[in-house]
Amino acid sequence: FECPLGDTSALSCINVVLAALLGRIFLRETLRGLHVVALLMSVSGAVLVSKPTFIFGVVDKHEVPVVGYCMALAAGVAAGITFIAARR
């Protein structure tokens, strides 16, 4: 699972984006233009921090820890769902 800590942190912080989108869908909260820009920047930052090979190419010879990345994303999704469930 040896995923770098910065990548794990960035990908698990996607919970804010998911909570905002789920809040819009389930709680009918409003998303203004500034919110949408902030959400897009958050997703872009998470993608750039994780240095995907389709953007940066192969940076080093190490194998990509796919399971670690998936677990970090799952943690972010679970936290986002928890935020919405607590508000409901």
N, C-alpha and C. Protein backbone atom coordinates (compact mmCIF):
# COMPACT_ATOMS: atom_id res chain seq x y z
N PHE A 1 0.81 -1.20 0.00
CA PHE A 1 0.00 0.00 0.00
C PHE A 1 0.85 1.26 0.00
N GLU A 2 2.06 1.22 0.10
CA GLU A 2 3.00 2.31 0.33
C GLU A 2 2.73 3.54 -0.53
N CYS A 3 1.67 4.22 -0.22
CA CYS A 3 1.28 5.45 -0.92
C CYS A 3 1.91 6.64 -0.20
N PRO A 4 2.49 7.59 -0.92
CA PRO A 4 3.09 8.76 -0.26
C PRO A 4 2.04 9.52 0.56
N LEU A 5 2.48 10.07 1.67
CA LEU A 5 1.58 10.74 2.60
C LEU A 5 0.87 11.95 1.98
N GLY A 6 1.58 12.71 1.18
CA GLY A 6 0.97 13.86 0.52
C GLY A 6 -0.15 13.45 -0.42
N ASP A 7 0.08 12.38 -1.17
CA ASP A 7 -0.95 11.87 -2.07
C ASP A 7 -2.16 11.39 -1.30
N THR A 8 -1.92 10.66 -0.23
CA THR A 8 -3.00 10.14 0.59
C THR A 8 -3.82 11.27 1.20
N SER A 9 -3.13 12.27 1.70
CA SER A 9 -3.82 13.41 2.31
C SER A 9 -4.65 14.17 1.28
N ALA A 10 -4.09 14.41 0.12
CA ALA A 10 -4.81 15.16 -0.92
C ALA A 10 -6.04 14.39 -1.40
N LEU A 11 -5.89 13.10 -1.61
CA LEU A 11 -7.01 12.32 -2.12
C LEU A 11 -8.09 12.10 -1.08
N SER A 12 -7.72 11.99 0.18
CA SER A 12 -8.75 11.82 1.21
C SER A 12 -9.47 13.14 1.51
N CYS A 13 -8.85 14.26 1.17
CA CYS A 13 -9.50 15.56 1.39
C CYS A 13 -10.53 15.88 0.32
N ILE A 14 -10.78 14.96 -0.56
CA ILE A 14 -11.82 15.13 -1.57
C ILE A 14 -13.20 15.10 -0.91
N ASN A 15 -13.23 14.80 0.40
CA ASN A 15 -14.49 14.73 1.13
C ASN A 15 -15.26 16.04 1.10
N VAL A 16 -14.57 17.16 1.08
CA VAL A 16 -15.22 18.46 1.04
C VAL A 16 -15.99 18.63 -0.28
N VAL A 17 -15.36 18.21 -1.36
CA VAL A 17 -16.00 18.30 -2.67
C VAL A 17 -17.23 17.40 -2.72
N LEU A 18 -17.08 16.19 -2.26
CA LEU A 18 -18.20 15.25 -2.27
C LEU A 18 -19.32 15.72 -1.35
N ALA A 19 -18.98 16.26 -0.19
CA ALA A 19 -20.00 16.76 0.72
C ALA A 19 -20.77 17.93 0.10
N ALA A 20 -20.08 18.79 -0.61
CA ALA A 20 -20.76 19.92 -1.26
C ALA A 20 -21.71 19.43 -2.35
N LEU A 21 -21.27 18.47 -3.14
CA LEU A 21 -22.13 17.95 -4.20
C LEU A 21 -23.31 17.16 -3.64
N LEU A 22 -23.05 16.35 -2.64
CA LEU A 22 -24.15 15.59 -2.02
C LEU A 22 -25.12 16.51 -1.28
N GLY A 23 -24.59 17.57 -0.69
CA GLY A 23 -25.45 18.56 -0.03
C GLY A 23 -26.37 19.23 -1.03
N ARG A 24 -25.86 19.47 -2.22
CA ARG A 24 -26.68 20.06 -3.27
C ARG A 24 -27.77 19.09 -3.71
N ILE A 25 -27.43 17.83 -3.84
CA ILE A 25 -28.38 16.83 -4.34
C ILE A 25 -29.42 16.48 -3.27
N PHE A 26 -28.96 16.13 -2.08
CA PHE A 26 -29.88 15.59 -1.07
C PHE A 26 -30.47 16.64 -0.13
N LEU A 27 -29.72 17.69 0.16
CA LEU A 27 -30.19 18.69 1.12
C LEU A 27 -30.64 19.97 0.44
N ARG A 28 -30.56 20.00 -0.88
CA ARG A 28 -30.97 21.16 -1.68
C ARG A 28 -30.26 22.45 -1.27
N GLU A 29 -29.00 22.33 -0.93
CA GLU A 29 -28.21 23.51 -0.60
C GLU A 29 -27.79 24.20 -1.90
N THR A 30 -27.57 25.48 -1.83
CA THR A 30 -27.20 26.21 -3.03
C THR A 30 -25.69 26.17 -3.24
N LEU A 31 -25.30 26.12 -4.49
CA LEU A 31 -23.90 26.21 -4.88
C LEU A 31 -23.77 27.42 -5.80
N ARG A 32 -23.11 28.44 -5.33
CA ARG A 32 -22.90 29.63 -6.14
C ARG A 32 -21.66 29.43 -7.03
N GLY A 33 -21.46 30.37 -7.91
CA GLY A 33 -20.34 30.28 -8.85
C GLY A 33 -18.99 30.15 -8.17
N LEU A 34 -18.81 30.89 -7.09
CA LEU A 34 -17.55 30.83 -6.35
C LEU A 34 -17.34 29.45 -5.74
N HIS A 35 -18.42 28.82 -5.28
CA HIS A 35 -18.32 27.46 -4.74
C HIS A 35 -17.87 26.48 -5.82
N VAL A 36 -18.46 26.61 -7.00
CA VAL A 36 -18.11 25.70 -8.10
C VAL A 36 -16.65 25.86 -8.48
N VAL A 37 -16.17 27.10 -8.54
CA VAL A 37 -14.76 27.36 -8.85
C VAL A 37 -13.86 26.73 -7.78
N ALA A 38 -14.22 26.90 -6.52
CA ALA A 38 -13.43 26.32 -5.43
C ALA A 38 -13.43 24.80 -5.49
N LEU A 39 -14.57 24.20 -5.82
CA LEU A 39 -14.63 22.74 -5.93
C LEU A 39 -13.77 22.24 -7.07
N LEU A 40 -13.81 22.92 -8.21
CA LEU A 40 -12.98 22.52 -9.35
C LEU A 40 -11.50 22.67 -9.03
N MET A 41 -11.14 23.72 -8.32
CA MET A 41 -9.74 23.90 -7.93
C MET A 41 -9.29 22.83 -6.94
N SER A 42 -10.18 22.42 -6.04
CA SER A 42 -9.86 21.36 -5.08
C SER A 42 -9.61 20.04 -5.79
N VAL A 43 -10.47 19.71 -6.74
CA VAL A 43 -10.29 18.46 -7.49
C VAL A 43 -9.01 18.53 -8.32
N SER A 44 -8.77 19.66 -8.96
CA SER A 44 -7.55 19.83 -9.76
C SER A 44 -6.30 19.70 -8.90
N GLY A 45 -6.33 20.28 -7.72
CA GLY A 45 -5.19 20.18 -6.81
C GLY A 45 -4.95 18.75 -6.36
N ALA A 46 -6.01 18.03 -6.05
CA ALA A 46 -5.86 16.63 -5.64
C ALA A 46 -5.27 15.79 -6.76
N VAL A 47 -5.70 16.07 -7.98
CA VAL A 47 -5.16 15.33 -9.13
C VAL A 47 -3.69 15.67 -9.34
N LEU A 48 -3.34 16.94 -9.27
CA LEU A 48 -1.95 17.34 -9.49
C LEU A 48 -1.01 16.85 -8.41
N VAL A 49 -1.46 16.82 -7.17
CA VAL A 49 -0.61 16.34 -6.08
C VAL A 49 -0.31 14.86 -6.24
N SER A 50 -1.28 14.09 -6.74
CA SER A 50 -1.06 12.65 -6.89
C SER A 50 -0.22 12.30 -8.12
N LYS A 51 0.10 13.30 -8.96
CA LYS A 51 0.98 13.14 -10.13
C LYS A 51 0.59 11.94 -11.00
N PRO A 52 -0.58 11.98 -11.62
CA PRO A 52 -0.97 10.83 -12.45
C PRO A 52 -0.08 10.70 -13.68
N THR A 53 0.14 9.46 -14.09
CA THR A 53 1.03 9.20 -15.21
C THR A 53 0.46 9.68 -16.54
N PHE A 54 -0.87 9.82 -16.65
CA PHE A 54 -1.43 10.29 -17.92
C PHE A 54 -1.17 11.78 -18.14
N ILE A 55 -0.77 12.52 -17.07
CA ILE A 55 -0.40 13.92 -17.23
C ILE A 55 1.11 14.09 -17.22
N PHE A 56 1.78 13.48 -16.24
CA PHE A 56 3.20 13.70 -16.04
C PHE A 56 4.09 12.64 -16.66
N GLY A 57 3.51 11.56 -17.18
CA GLY A 57 4.32 10.46 -17.67
C GLY A 57 4.88 9.68 -16.49
N VAL A 58 5.79 8.78 -16.76
CA VAL A 58 6.40 7.97 -15.70
C VAL A 58 7.54 8.78 -15.08
N VAL A 59 7.35 9.17 -13.82
CA VAL A 59 8.34 10.00 -13.14
C VAL A 59 9.49 9.16 -12.61
N ASP A 60 9.17 8.05 -11.96
CA ASP A 60 10.21 7.16 -11.46
C ASP A 60 9.81 5.73 -11.77
N LYS A 61 10.70 4.83 -11.52
CA LYS A 61 10.50 3.43 -11.91
C LYS A 61 9.65 2.63 -10.94
N HIS A 62 9.19 3.25 -9.85
CA HIS A 62 8.42 2.52 -8.85
C HIS A 62 7.00 2.25 -9.35
N GLU A 63 6.45 1.16 -8.88
CA GLU A 63 5.08 0.80 -9.24
C GLU A 63 4.10 1.72 -8.52
N VAL A 64 3.04 2.11 -9.21
CA VAL A 64 2.04 2.99 -8.63
C VAL A 64 1.19 2.20 -7.63
N PRO A 65 1.06 2.70 -6.38
CA PRO A 65 0.27 1.99 -5.37
C PRO A 65 -1.23 2.21 -5.57
N VAL A 66 -1.80 1.51 -6.53
CA VAL A 66 -3.21 1.70 -6.89
C VAL A 66 -4.12 1.42 -5.70
N VAL A 67 -3.83 0.39 -4.94
CA VAL A 67 -4.66 0.05 -3.79
C VAL A 67 -4.62 1.18 -2.75
N GLY A 68 -3.47 1.75 -2.54
CA GLY A 68 -3.34 2.86 -1.60
C GLY A 68 -4.14 4.07 -2.03
N TYR A 69 -4.08 4.39 -3.32
CA TYR A 69 -4.86 5.51 -3.85
C TYR A 69 -6.35 5.24 -3.73
N CYS A 70 -6.76 4.01 -4.03
CA CYS A 70 -8.18 3.67 -3.92
C CYS A 70 -8.67 3.75 -2.48
N MET A 71 -7.83 3.33 -1.54
CA MET A 71 -8.21 3.42 -0.13
C MET A 71 -8.31 4.88 0.33
N ALA A 72 -7.42 5.74 -0.14
CA ALA A 72 -7.48 7.16 0.21
C ALA A 72 -8.74 7.79 -0.35
N LEU A 73 -9.09 7.47 -1.59
CA LEU A 73 -10.32 7.98 -2.17
C LEU A 73 -11.55 7.46 -1.43
N ALA A 74 -11.51 6.18 -1.05
CA ALA A 74 -12.63 5.60 -0.30
C ALA A 74 -12.80 6.30 1.05
N ALA A 75 -11.70 6.64 1.69
CA ALA A 75 -11.77 7.37 2.96
C ALA A 75 -12.41 8.74 2.76
N GLY A 76 -12.04 9.42 1.68
CA GLY A 76 -12.64 10.71 1.38
C GLY A 76 -14.12 10.61 1.09
N VAL A 77 -14.51 9.60 0.33
CA VAL A 77 -15.93 9.39 0.02
C VAL A 77 -16.71 9.08 1.29
N ALA A 78 -16.18 8.22 2.14
CA ALA A 78 -16.86 7.87 3.38
C ALA A 78 -17.01 9.09 4.29
N ALA A 79 -15.99 9.92 4.36
CA ALA A 79 -16.08 11.13 5.19
C ALA A 79 -17.11 12.11 4.62
N GLY A 80 -17.16 12.25 3.30
CA GLY A 80 -18.14 13.13 2.68
C GLY A 80 -19.56 12.66 2.94
N ILE A 81 -19.79 11.36 2.85
CA ILE A 81 -21.12 10.79 3.12
C ILE A 81 -21.48 10.98 4.59
N THR A 82 -20.49 10.84 5.46
CA THR A 82 -20.73 11.03 6.90
C THR A 82 -21.16 12.47 7.20
N PHE A 83 -20.53 13.44 6.53
CA PHE A 83 -20.91 14.84 6.73
C PHE A 83 -22.38 15.06 6.38
N ILE A 84 -22.81 14.50 5.27
CA ILE A 84 -24.19 14.68 4.82
C ILE A 84 -25.16 13.93 5.73
N ALA A 85 -24.79 12.72 6.13
CA ALA A 85 -25.66 11.93 7.01
C ALA A 85 -25.82 12.62 8.36
N ALA A 86 -24.79 13.28 8.84
CA ALA A 86 -24.89 13.96 10.13
C ALA A 86 -25.77 15.21 10.03
N ARG A 87 -25.80 15.84 8.89
CA ARG A 87 -26.64 17.03 8.71
C ARG A 87 -28.09 16.67 8.46
N ARG A 88 -28.33 15.49 7.96
CA ARG A 88 -29.69 15.05 7.65
C ARG A 88 -30.37 14.70 8.91
